[in-house]
Amino acid sequence: NNECYANNGTLYLAKIHGSIEPLNIIP
């Protein structure tokens, strides 16, 4: 239900262009 993780030490992070680990990037 889209609950927030902020209160238990977990950070929600979205990398919309990808990431170097794993190597999955949008140039």
mmCIF file of all heavy atoms, coordinates in Angstrom:
data_MODEL
# 
_entry.id   MODEL 
# 
loop_
_atom_site.group_PDB 
_atom_site.id 
_atom_site.type_symbol 
_atom_site.label_atom_id 
_atom_site.label_alt_id 
_atom_site.label_comp_id 
_atom_site.label_asym_id 
_atom_site.label_entity_id 
_atom_site.label_seq_id 
_atom_site.pdbx_PDB_ins_code 
_atom_site.Cartn_x 
_atom_site.Cartn_y 
_atom_site.Cartn_z 
_atom_site.occupancy 
_atom_site.B_iso_or_equiv 
_atom_site.pdbx_formal_charge 
_atom_site.auth_seq_id 
_atom_site.auth_comp_id 
_atom_site.auth_asym_id 
_atom_site.auth_atom_id 
_atom_site.pdbx_PDB_model_num 
ATOM 1   N N   . ASN A 1 1  ? 0.817  -1.213 0.000   1.00 0.00 ? 1  ASN A N   1 
ATOM 2   C CA  . ASN A 1 1  ? 0.000  0.000  0.000   1.00 0.00 ? 1  ASN A CA  1 
ATOM 3   C C   . ASN A 1 1  ? 0.854  1.268  0.000   1.00 0.00 ? 1  ASN A C   1 
ATOM 4   O O   . ASN A 1 1  ? 0.464  2.297  0.566   1.00 0.00 ? 1  ASN A O   1 
ATOM 5   C CB  . ASN A 1 1  ? -0.936 0.014  1.207   1.00 0.00 ? 1  ASN A CB  1 
ATOM 6   C CG  . ASN A 1 1  ? -1.900 -1.161 1.192   1.00 0.00 ? 1  ASN A CG  1 
ATOM 7   O OD1 . ASN A 1 1  ? -2.386 -1.557 0.135   1.00 0.00 ? 1  ASN A OD1 1 
ATOM 8   N ND2 . ASN A 1 1  ? -2.153 -1.728 2.368   1.00 0.00 ? 1  ASN A ND2 1 
ATOM 9   N N   . ASN A 1 2  ? 2.062  1.170  -0.608  1.00 0.00 ? 2  ASN A N   1 
ATOM 10  C CA  . ASN A 1 2  ? 2.984  2.309  -0.689  1.00 0.00 ? 2  ASN A CA  1 
ATOM 11  C C   . ASN A 1 2  ? 3.376  2.856  0.680   1.00 0.00 ? 2  ASN A C   1 
ATOM 12  O O   . ASN A 1 2  ? 3.615  4.043  0.861   1.00 0.00 ? 2  ASN A O   1 
ATOM 13  C CB  . ASN A 1 2  ? 2.385  3.447  -1.530  1.00 0.00 ? 2  ASN A CB  1 
ATOM 14  C CG  . ASN A 1 2  ? 2.290  3.080  -2.995  1.00 0.00 ? 2  ASN A CG  1 
ATOM 15  O OD1 . ASN A 1 2  ? 3.108  2.313  -3.498  1.00 0.00 ? 2  ASN A OD1 1 
ATOM 16  N ND2 . ASN A 1 2  ? 1.299  3.614  -3.680  1.00 0.00 ? 2  ASN A ND2 1 
ATOM 17  N N   . GLU A 1 3  ? 3.442  1.974  1.681   1.00 0.00 ? 3  GLU A N   1 
ATOM 18  C CA  . GLU A 1 3  ? 3.841  2.415  3.017   1.00 0.00 ? 3  GLU A CA  1 
ATOM 19  C C   . GLU A 1 3  ? 5.283  2.912  2.996   1.00 0.00 ? 3  GLU A C   1 
ATOM 20  O O   . GLU A 1 3  ? 6.083  2.503  2.163   1.00 0.00 ? 3  GLU A O   1 
ATOM 21  C CB  . GLU A 1 3  ? 3.705  1.271  4.015   1.00 0.00 ? 3  GLU A CB  1 
ATOM 22  C CG  . GLU A 1 3  ? 4.646  0.106  3.740   1.00 0.00 ? 3  GLU A CG  1 
ATOM 23  C CD  . GLU A 1 3  ? 4.457  -1.031 4.733   1.00 0.00 ? 3  GLU A CD  1 
ATOM 24  O OE1 . GLU A 1 3  ? 4.837  -0.842 5.891   1.00 0.00 ? 3  GLU A OE1 1 
ATOM 25  O OE2 . GLU A 1 3  ? 3.932  -2.081 4.326   1.00 0.00 ? 3  GLU A OE2 1 
ATOM 26  N N   . CYS A 1 4  ? 5.590  3.788  3.925   1.00 0.00 ? 4  CYS A N   1 
ATOM 27  C CA  . CYS A 1 4  ? 6.914  4.399  3.962   1.00 0.00 ? 4  CYS A CA  1 
ATOM 28  C C   . CYS A 1 4  ? 7.875  3.537  4.757   1.00 0.00 ? 4  CYS A C   1 
ATOM 29  O O   . CYS A 1 4  ? 7.556  3.060  5.837   1.00 0.00 ? 4  CYS A O   1 
ATOM 30  C CB  . CYS A 1 4  ? 6.813  5.790  4.582   1.00 0.00 ? 4  CYS A CB  1 
ATOM 31  S SG  . CYS A 1 4  ? 8.381  6.653  4.648   1.00 0.00 ? 4  CYS A SG  1 
ATOM 32  N N   . TYR A 1 5  ? 9.087  3.335  4.199   1.00 0.00 ? 5  TYR A N   1 
ATOM 33  C CA  . TYR A 1 5  ? 10.112 2.565  4.883   1.00 0.00 ? 5  TYR A CA  1 
ATOM 34  C C   . TYR A 1 5  ? 10.969 3.432  5.810   1.00 0.00 ? 5  TYR A C   1 
ATOM 35  O O   . TYR A 1 5  ? 11.815 2.929  6.511   1.00 0.00 ? 5  TYR A O   1 
ATOM 36  C CB  . TYR A 1 5  ? 11.055 1.936  3.850   1.00 0.00 ? 5  TYR A CB  1 
ATOM 37  C CG  . TYR A 1 5  ? 10.538 0.673  3.210   1.00 0.00 ? 5  TYR A CG  1 
ATOM 38  C CD1 . TYR A 1 5  ? 10.338 0.616  1.838   1.00 0.00 ? 5  TYR A CD1 1 
ATOM 39  C CD2 . TYR A 1 5  ? 10.303 -0.465 3.973   1.00 0.00 ? 5  TYR A CD2 1 
ATOM 40  C CE1 . TYR A 1 5  ? 9.894  -0.550 1.237   1.00 0.00 ? 5  TYR A CE1 1 
ATOM 41  C CE2 . TYR A 1 5  ? 9.848  -1.629 3.372   1.00 0.00 ? 5  TYR A CE2 1 
ATOM 42  C CZ  . TYR A 1 5  ? 9.654  -1.672 2.007   1.00 0.00 ? 5  TYR A CZ  1 
ATOM 43  O OH  . TYR A 1 5  ? 9.221  -2.821 1.415   1.00 0.00 ? 5  TYR A OH  1 
ATOM 44  N N   . ALA A 1 6  ? 10.791 4.740  5.790   1.00 0.00 ? 6  ALA A N   1 
ATOM 45  C CA  . ALA A 1 6  ? 11.743 5.632  6.441   1.00 0.00 ? 6  ALA A CA  1 
ATOM 46  C C   . ALA A 1 6  ? 11.906 5.374  7.922   1.00 0.00 ? 6  ALA A C   1 
ATOM 47  O O   . ALA A 1 6  ? 12.939 5.677  8.498   1.00 0.00 ? 6  ALA A O   1 
ATOM 48  C CB  . ALA A 1 6  ? 11.326 7.085  6.233   1.00 0.00 ? 6  ALA A CB  1 
ATOM 49  N N   . ASN A 1 7  ? 10.908 4.783  8.548   1.00 0.00 ? 7  ASN A N   1 
ATOM 50  C CA  . ASN A 1 7  ? 10.984 4.586  9.986   1.00 0.00 ? 7  ASN A CA  1 
ATOM 51  C C   . ASN A 1 7  ? 11.691 3.303  10.386  1.00 0.00 ? 7  ASN A C   1 
ATOM 52  O O   . ASN A 1 7  ? 11.833 3.023  11.578  1.00 0.00 ? 7  ASN A O   1 
ATOM 53  C CB  . ASN A 1 7  ? 9.575  4.619  10.596  1.00 0.00 ? 7  ASN A CB  1 
ATOM 54  C CG  . ASN A 1 7  ? 8.977  6.009  10.531  1.00 0.00 ? 7  ASN A CG  1 
ATOM 55  O OD1 . ASN A 1 7  ? 9.697  6.994  10.527  1.00 0.00 ? 7  ASN A OD1 1 
ATOM 56  N ND2 . ASN A 1 7  ? 7.661  6.089  10.445  1.00 0.00 ? 7  ASN A ND2 1 
ATOM 57  N N   . ASN A 1 8  ? 12.113 2.489  9.436   1.00 0.00 ? 8  ASN A N   1 
ATOM 58  C CA  . ASN A 1 8  ? 12.812 1.259  9.820   1.00 0.00 ? 8  ASN A CA  1 
ATOM 59  C C   . ASN A 1 8  ? 14.193 1.142  9.182   1.00 0.00 ? 8  ASN A C   1 
ATOM 60  O O   . ASN A 1 8  ? 14.745 0.057  9.080   1.00 0.00 ? 8  ASN A O   1 
ATOM 61  C CB  . ASN A 1 8  ? 11.967 0.020  9.484   1.00 0.00 ? 8  ASN A CB  1 
ATOM 62  C CG  . ASN A 1 8  ? 11.748 -0.154 7.986   1.00 0.00 ? 8  ASN A CG  1 
ATOM 63  O OD1 . ASN A 1 8  ? 12.362 0.537  7.178   1.00 0.00 ? 8  ASN A OD1 1 
ATOM 64  N ND2 . ASN A 1 8  ? 10.878 -1.068 7.624   1.00 0.00 ? 8  ASN A ND2 1 
ATOM 65  N N   . GLY A 1 9  ? 14.765 2.266  8.771   1.00 0.00 ? 9  GLY A N   1 
ATOM 66  C CA  . GLY A 1 9  ? 16.144 2.262  8.283   1.00 0.00 ? 9  GLY A CA  1 
ATOM 67  C C   . GLY A 1 9  ? 16.324 1.948  6.822   1.00 0.00 ? 9  GLY A C   1 
ATOM 68  O O   . GLY A 1 9  ? 17.453 1.874  6.339   1.00 0.00 ? 9  GLY A O   1 
ATOM 69  N N   . THR A 1 10 ? 15.238 1.749  6.097   1.00 0.00 ? 10 THR A N   1 
ATOM 70  C CA  . THR A 1 10 ? 15.324 1.436  4.677   1.00 0.00 ? 10 THR A CA  1 
ATOM 71  C C   . THR A 1 10 ? 15.015 2.683  3.853   1.00 0.00 ? 10 THR A C   1 
ATOM 72  O O   . THR A 1 10 ? 14.052 3.392  4.132   1.00 0.00 ? 10 THR A O   1 
ATOM 73  C CB  . THR A 1 10 ? 14.324 0.324  4.305   1.00 0.00 ? 10 THR A CB  1 
ATOM 74  O OG1 . THR A 1 10 ? 14.634 -0.840 5.070   1.00 0.00 ? 10 THR A OG1 1 
ATOM 75  C CG2 . THR A 1 10 ? 14.412 -0.015 2.828   1.00 0.00 ? 10 THR A CG2 1 
ATOM 76  N N   . LEU A 1 11 ? 15.834 2.943  2.862   1.00 0.00 ? 11 LEU A N   1 
ATOM 77  C CA  . LEU A 1 11 ? 15.633 4.109  2.002   1.00 0.00 ? 11 LEU A CA  1 
ATOM 78  C C   . LEU A 1 11 ? 15.090 3.661  0.653   1.00 0.00 ? 11 LEU A C   1 
ATOM 79  O O   . LEU A 1 11 ? 15.642 2.766  0.018   1.00 0.00 ? 11 LEU A O   1 
ATOM 80  C CB  . LEU A 1 11 ? 16.956 4.862  1.810   1.00 0.00 ? 11 LEU A CB  1 
ATOM 81  C CG  . LEU A 1 11 ? 16.927 6.016  0.798   1.00 0.00 ? 11 LEU A CG  1 
ATOM 82  C CD1 . LEU A 1 11 ? 15.987 7.118  1.277   1.00 0.00 ? 11 LEU A CD1 1 
ATOM 83  C CD2 . LEU A 1 11 ? 18.327 6.562  0.567   1.00 0.00 ? 11 LEU A CD2 1 
ATOM 84  N N   . TYR A 1 12 ? 14.025 4.295  0.213   1.00 0.00 ? 12 TYR A N   1 
ATOM 85  C CA  . TYR A 1 12 ? 13.508 4.033  -1.121  1.00 0.00 ? 12 TYR A CA  1 
ATOM 86  C C   . TYR A 1 12 ? 14.284 4.889  -2.111  1.00 0.00 ? 12 TYR A C   1 
ATOM 87  O O   . TYR A 1 12 ? 14.303 6.115  -2.016  1.00 0.00 ? 12 TYR A O   1 
ATOM 88  C CB  . TYR A 1 12 ? 12.017 4.355  -1.209  1.00 0.00 ? 12 TYR A CB  1 
ATOM 89  C CG  . TYR A 1 12 ? 11.491 4.259  -2.617  1.00 0.00 ? 12 TYR A CG  1 
ATOM 90  C CD1 . TYR A 1 12 ? 11.416 3.015  -3.247  1.00 0.00 ? 12 TYR A CD1 1 
ATOM 91  C CD2 . TYR A 1 12 ? 11.090 5.376  -3.330  1.00 0.00 ? 12 TYR A CD2 1 
ATOM 92  C CE1 . TYR A 1 12 ? 10.962 2.899  -4.548  1.00 0.00 ? 12 TYR A CE1 1 
ATOM 93  C CE2 . TYR A 1 12 ? 10.627 5.273  -4.628  1.00 0.00 ? 12 TYR A CE2 1 
ATOM 94  C CZ  . TYR A 1 12 ? 10.561 4.032  -5.237  1.00 0.00 ? 12 TYR A CZ  1 
ATOM 95  O OH  . TYR A 1 12 ? 10.124 3.928  -6.531  1.00 0.00 ? 12 TYR A OH  1 
ATOM 96  N N   . LEU A 1 13 ? 14.961 4.234  -3.053  1.00 0.00 ? 13 LEU A N   1 
ATOM 97  C CA  . LEU A 1 13 ? 15.800 4.917  -4.029  1.00 0.00 ? 13 LEU A CA  1 
ATOM 98  C C   . LEU A 1 13 ? 15.481 4.402  -5.420  1.00 0.00 ? 13 LEU A C   1 
ATOM 99  O O   . LEU A 1 13 ? 15.620 3.208  -5.696  1.00 0.00 ? 13 LEU A O   1 
ATOM 100 C CB  . LEU A 1 13 ? 17.285 4.680  -3.714  1.00 0.00 ? 13 LEU A CB  1 
ATOM 101 C CG  . LEU A 1 13 ? 18.295 5.186  -4.749  1.00 0.00 ? 13 LEU A CG  1 
ATOM 102 C CD1 . LEU A 1 13 ? 18.244 6.710  -4.849  1.00 0.00 ? 13 LEU A CD1 1 
ATOM 103 C CD2 . LEU A 1 13 ? 19.706 4.723  -4.388  1.00 0.00 ? 13 LEU A CD2 1 
ATOM 104 N N   . ALA A 1 14 ? 15.052 5.291  -6.292  1.00 0.00 ? 14 ALA A N   1 
ATOM 105 C CA  . ALA A 1 14 ? 14.782 4.937  -7.688  1.00 0.00 ? 14 ALA A CA  1 
ATOM 106 C C   . ALA A 1 14 ? 15.819 5.608  -8.573  1.00 0.00 ? 14 ALA A C   1 
ATOM 107 O O   . ALA A 1 14 ? 16.035 6.813  -8.486  1.00 0.00 ? 14 ALA A O   1 
ATOM 108 C CB  . ALA A 1 14 ? 13.376 5.383  -8.083  1.00 0.00 ? 14 ALA A CB  1 
ATOM 109 N N   . LYS A 1 15 ? 16.467 4.824  -9.437  1.00 0.00 ? 15 LYS A N   1 
ATOM 110 C CA  . LYS A 1 15 ? 17.486 5.351  -10.357 1.00 0.00 ? 15 LYS A CA  1 
ATOM 111 C C   . LYS A 1 15 ? 16.943 5.153  -11.775 1.00 0.00 ? 15 LYS A C   1 
ATOM 112 O O   . LYS A 1 15 ? 17.115 4.089  -12.384 1.00 0.00 ? 15 LYS A O   1 
ATOM 113 C CB  . LYS A 1 15 ? 18.807 4.639  -10.131 1.00 0.00 ? 15 LYS A CB  1 
ATOM 114 C CG  . LYS A 1 15 ? 19.279 4.747  -8.671  1.00 0.00 ? 15 LYS A CG  1 
ATOM 115 C CD  . LYS A 1 15 ? 20.554 3.984  -8.400  1.00 0.00 ? 15 LYS A CD  1 
ATOM 116 C CE  . LYS A 1 15 ? 21.758 4.805  -8.781  1.00 0.00 ? 15 LYS A CE  1 
ATOM 117 N NZ  . LYS A 1 15 ? 23.010 4.192  -8.282  1.00 0.00 ? 15 LYS A NZ  1 
ATOM 118 N N   . ILE A 1 16 ? 16.312 6.196  -12.271 1.00 0.00 ? 16 ILE A N   1 
ATOM 119 C CA  . ILE A 1 16 ? 15.523 6.027  -13.494 1.00 0.00 ? 16 ILE A CA  1 
ATOM 120 C C   . ILE A 1 16 ? 16.368 5.896  -14.754 1.00 0.00 ? 16 ILE A C   1 
ATOM 121 O O   . ILE A 1 16 ? 15.852 5.490  -15.798 1.00 0.00 ? 16 ILE A O   1 
ATOM 122 C CB  . ILE A 1 16 ? 14.499 7.173  -13.649 1.00 0.00 ? 16 ILE A CB  1 
ATOM 123 C CG1 . ILE A 1 16 ? 15.200 8.524  -13.751 1.00 0.00 ? 16 ILE A CG1 1 
ATOM 124 C CG2 . ILE A 1 16 ? 13.524 7.176  -12.492 1.00 0.00 ? 16 ILE A CG2 1 
ATOM 125 C CD1 . ILE A 1 16 ? 14.233 9.667  -14.005 1.00 0.00 ? 16 ILE A CD1 1 
ATOM 126 N N   . HIS A 1 17 ? 17.652 6.241  -14.674 1.00 0.00 ? 17 HIS A N   1 
ATOM 127 C CA  . HIS A 1 17 ? 18.550 6.043  -15.818 1.00 0.00 ? 17 HIS A CA  1 
ATOM 128 C C   . HIS A 1 17 ? 19.432 4.812  -15.646 1.00 0.00 ? 17 HIS A C   1 
ATOM 129 O O   . HIS A 1 17 ? 20.349 4.582  -16.427 1.00 0.00 ? 17 HIS A O   1 
ATOM 130 C CB  . HIS A 1 17 ? 19.425 7.283  -16.048 1.00 0.00 ? 17 HIS A CB  1 
ATOM 131 C CG  . HIS A 1 17 ? 18.660 8.451  -16.551 1.00 0.00 ? 17 HIS A CG  1 
ATOM 132 N ND1 . HIS A 1 17 ? 19.141 9.744  -16.514 1.00 0.00 ? 17 HIS A ND1 1 
ATOM 133 C CD2 . HIS A 1 17 ? 17.420 8.533  -17.118 1.00 0.00 ? 17 HIS A CD2 1 
ATOM 134 C CE1 . HIS A 1 17 ? 18.232 10.567 -17.022 1.00 0.00 ? 17 HIS A CE1 1 
ATOM 135 N NE2 . HIS A 1 17 ? 17.187 9.855  -17.396 1.00 0.00 ? 17 HIS A NE2 1 
ATOM 136 N N   . GLY A 1 18 ? 19.167 4.036  -14.594 1.00 0.00 ? 18 GLY A N   1 
ATOM 137 C CA  . GLY A 1 18 ? 19.952 2.836  -14.352 1.00 0.00 ? 18 GLY A CA  1 
ATOM 138 C C   . GLY A 1 18 ? 21.120 3.091  -13.427 1.00 0.00 ? 18 GLY A C   1 
ATOM 139 O O   . GLY A 1 18 ? 21.265 4.163  -12.840 1.00 0.00 ? 18 GLY A O   1 
ATOM 140 N N   . SER A 1 19 ? 21.972 2.074  -13.300 1.00 0.00 ? 19 SER A N   1 
ATOM 141 C CA  . SER A 1 19 ? 23.088 2.143  -12.358 1.00 0.00 ? 19 SER A CA  1 
ATOM 142 C C   . SER A 1 19 ? 24.273 1.365  -12.903 1.00 0.00 ? 19 SER A C   1 
ATOM 143 O O   . SER A 1 19 ? 24.110 0.439  -13.700 1.00 0.00 ? 19 SER A O   1 
ATOM 144 C CB  . SER A 1 19 ? 22.664 1.559  -11.003 1.00 0.00 ? 19 SER A CB  1 
ATOM 145 O OG  . SER A 1 19 ? 23.741 1.546  -10.091 1.00 0.00 ? 19 SER A OG  1 
ATOM 146 N N   . ILE A 1 20 ? 25.487 1.740  -12.446 1.00 0.00 ? 20 ILE A N   1 
ATOM 147 C CA  . ILE A 1 20 ? 26.680 1.020  -12.894 1.00 0.00 ? 20 ILE A CA  1 
ATOM 148 C C   . ILE A 1 20 ? 26.786 -0.340 -12.213 1.00 0.00 ? 20 ILE A C   1 
ATOM 149 O O   . ILE A 1 20 ? 27.568 -1.186 -12.654 1.00 0.00 ? 20 ILE A O   1 
ATOM 150 C CB  . ILE A 1 20 ? 27.956 1.842  -12.634 1.00 0.00 ? 20 ILE A CB  1 
ATOM 151 C CG1 . ILE A 1 20 ? 28.154 2.129  -11.142 1.00 0.00 ? 20 ILE A CG1 1 
ATOM 152 C CG2 . ILE A 1 20 ? 27.933 3.121  -13.429 1.00 0.00 ? 20 ILE A CG2 1 
ATOM 153 C CD1 . ILE A 1 20 ? 29.488 2.767  -10.813 1.00 0.00 ? 20 ILE A CD1 1 
ATOM 154 N N   . GLU A 1 21 ? 26.049 -0.566 -11.150 1.00 0.00 ? 21 GLU A N   1 
ATOM 155 C CA  . GLU A 1 21 ? 25.987 -1.886 -10.507 1.00 0.00 ? 21 GLU A CA  1 
ATOM 156 C C   . GLU A 1 21 ? 24.534 -2.192 -10.164 1.00 0.00 ? 21 GLU A C   1 
ATOM 157 O O   . GLU A 1 21 ? 23.954 -1.541 -9.284  1.00 0.00 ? 21 GLU A O   1 
ATOM 158 C CB  . GLU A 1 21 ? 26.855 -1.912 -9.252  1.00 0.00 ? 21 GLU A CB  1 
ATOM 159 C CG  . GLU A 1 21 ? 28.339 -1.963 -9.530  1.00 0.00 ? 21 GLU A CG  1 
ATOM 160 C CD  . GLU A 1 21 ? 29.161 -2.168 -8.278  1.00 0.00 ? 21 GLU A CD  1 
ATOM 161 O OE1 . GLU A 1 21 ? 28.575 -2.453 -7.206  1.00 0.00 ? 21 GLU A OE1 1 
ATOM 162 O OE2 . GLU A 1 21 ? 30.383 -2.050 -8.366  1.00 0.00 ? 21 GLU A OE2 1 
ATOM 163 N N   . PRO A 1 22 ? 23.933 -3.184 -10.822 1.00 0.00 ? 22 PRO A N   1 
ATOM 164 C CA  . PRO A 1 22 ? 24.516 -3.913 -11.946 1.00 0.00 ? 22 PRO A CA  1 
ATOM 165 C C   . PRO A 1 22 ? 24.624 -3.011 -13.177 1.00 0.00 ? 22 PRO A C   1 
ATOM 166 O O   . PRO A 1 22 ? 23.985 -1.961 -13.222 1.00 0.00 ? 22 PRO A O   1 
ATOM 167 C CB  . PRO A 1 22 ? 23.531 -5.046 -12.176 1.00 0.00 ? 22 PRO A CB  1 
ATOM 168 C CG  . PRO A 1 22 ? 22.218 -4.474 -11.729 1.00 0.00 ? 22 PRO A CG  1 
ATOM 169 C CD  . PRO A 1 22 ? 22.547 -3.595 -10.559 1.00 0.00 ? 22 PRO A CD  1 
ATOM 170 N N   . LEU A 1 23 ? 25.424 -3.435 -14.122 1.00 0.00 ? 23 LEU A N   1 
ATOM 171 C CA  . LEU A 1 23 ? 25.657 -2.606 -15.314 1.00 0.00 ? 23 LEU A CA  1 
ATOM 172 C C   . LEU A 1 23 ? 24.405 -2.604 -16.167 1.00 0.00 ? 23 LEU A C   1 
ATOM 173 O O   . LEU A 1 23 ? 24.242 -3.408 -17.090 1.00 0.00 ? 23 LEU A O   1 
ATOM 174 C CB  . LEU A 1 23 ? 26.858 -3.127 -16.087 1.00 0.00 ? 23 LEU A CB  1 
ATOM 175 C CG  . LEU A 1 23 ? 27.273 -2.310 -17.322 1.00 0.00 ? 23 LEU A CG  1 
ATOM 176 C CD1 . LEU A 1 23 ? 27.439 -0.844 -16.954 1.00 0.00 ? 23 LEU A CD1 1 
ATOM 177 C CD2 . LEU A 1 23 ? 28.536 -2.854 -17.932 1.00 0.00 ? 23 LEU A CD2 1 
ATOM 178 N N   . ASN A 1 24 ? 23.535 -1.694 -15.845 1.00 0.00 ? 24 ASN A N   1 
ATOM 179 C CA  . ASN A 1 24 ? 22.255 -1.588 -16.538 1.00 0.00 ? 24 ASN A CA  1 
ATOM 180 C C   . ASN A 1 24 ? 21.920 -0.108 -16.648 1.00 0.00 ? 24 ASN A C   1 
ATOM 181 O O   . ASN A 1 24 ? 21.163 0.439  -15.863 1.00 0.00 ? 24 ASN A O   1 
ATOM 182 C CB  . ASN A 1 24 ? 21.168 -2.337 -15.764 1.00 0.00 ? 24 ASN A CB  1 
ATOM 183 C CG  . ASN A 1 24 ? 19.816 -2.271 -16.453 1.00 0.00 ? 24 ASN A CG  1 
ATOM 184 O OD1 . ASN A 1 24 ? 19.734 -2.070 -17.660 1.00 0.00 ? 24 ASN A OD1 1 
ATOM 185 N ND2 . ASN A 1 24 ? 18.758 -2.414 -15.679 1.00 0.00 ? 24 ASN A ND2 1 
ATOM 186 N N   . ILE A 1 25 ? 22.526 0.552  -17.618 1.00 0.00 ? 25 ILE A N   1 
ATOM 187 C CA  . ILE A 1 25 ? 22.387 1.996  -17.723 1.00 0.00 ? 25 ILE A CA  1 
ATOM 188 C C   . ILE A 1 25 ? 21.764 2.391  -19.049 1.00 0.00 ? 25 ILE A C   1 
ATOM 189 O O   . ILE A 1 25 ? 21.898 1.698  -20.057 1.00 0.00 ? 25 ILE A O   1 
ATOM 190 C CB  . ILE A 1 25 ? 23.741 2.712  -17.548 1.00 0.00 ? 25 ILE A CB  1 
ATOM 191 C CG1 . ILE A 1 25 ? 24.702 2.339  -18.671 1.00 0.00 ? 25 ILE A CG1 1 
ATOM 192 C CG2 . ILE A 1 25 ? 24.356 2.396  -16.197 1.00 0.00 ? 25 ILE A CG2 1 
ATOM 193 C CD1 . ILE A 1 25 ? 26.030 3.079  -18.611 1.00 0.00 ? 25 ILE A CD1 1 
ATOM 194 N N   . ILE A 1 26 ? 21.055 3.511  -19.013 1.00 0.00 ? 26 ILE A N   1 
ATOM 195 C CA  . ILE A 1 26 ? 20.532 4.123  -20.226 1.00 0.00 ? 26 ILE A CA  1 
ATOM 196 C C   . ILE A 1 26 ? 21.509 5.221  -20.604 1.00 0.00 ? 26 ILE A C   1 
ATOM 197 O O   . ILE A 1 26 ? 21.642 6.208  -19.866 1.00 0.00 ? 26 ILE A O   1 
ATOM 198 C CB  . ILE A 1 26 ? 19.132 4.703  -19.992 1.00 0.00 ? 26 ILE A CB  1 
ATOM 199 C CG1 . ILE A 1 26 ? 18.163 3.594  -19.582 1.00 0.00 ? 26 ILE A CG1 1 
ATOM 200 C CG2 . ILE A 1 26 ? 18.626 5.408  -21.251 1.00 0.00 ? 26 ILE A CG2 1 
ATOM 201 C CD1 . ILE A 1 26 ? 16.784 4.090  -19.220 1.00 0.00 ? 26 ILE A CD1 1 
ATOM 202 N N   . PRO A 1 27 ? 22.227 5.089  -21.702 1.00 0.00 ? 27 PRO A N   1 
ATOM 203 C CA  . PRO A 1 27 ? 23.253 6.088  -22.061 1.00 0.00 ? 27 PRO A CA  1 
ATOM 204 C C   . PRO A 1 27 ? 22.663 7.481  -22.217 1.00 0.00 ? 27 PRO A C   1 
ATOM 205 O O   . PRO A 1 27 ? 21.493 7.628  -22.595 1.00 0.00 ? 27 PRO A O   1 
ATOM 206 C CB  . PRO A 1 27 ? 23.803 5.559  -23.397 1.00 0.00 ? 27 PRO A CB  1 
ATOM 207 C CG  . PRO A 1 27 ? 23.467 4.113  -23.414 1.00 0.00 ? 27 PRO A CG  1 
ATOM 208 C CD  . PRO A 1 27 ? 22.164 3.993  -22.682 1.00 0.00 ? 27 PRO A CD  1 
# 
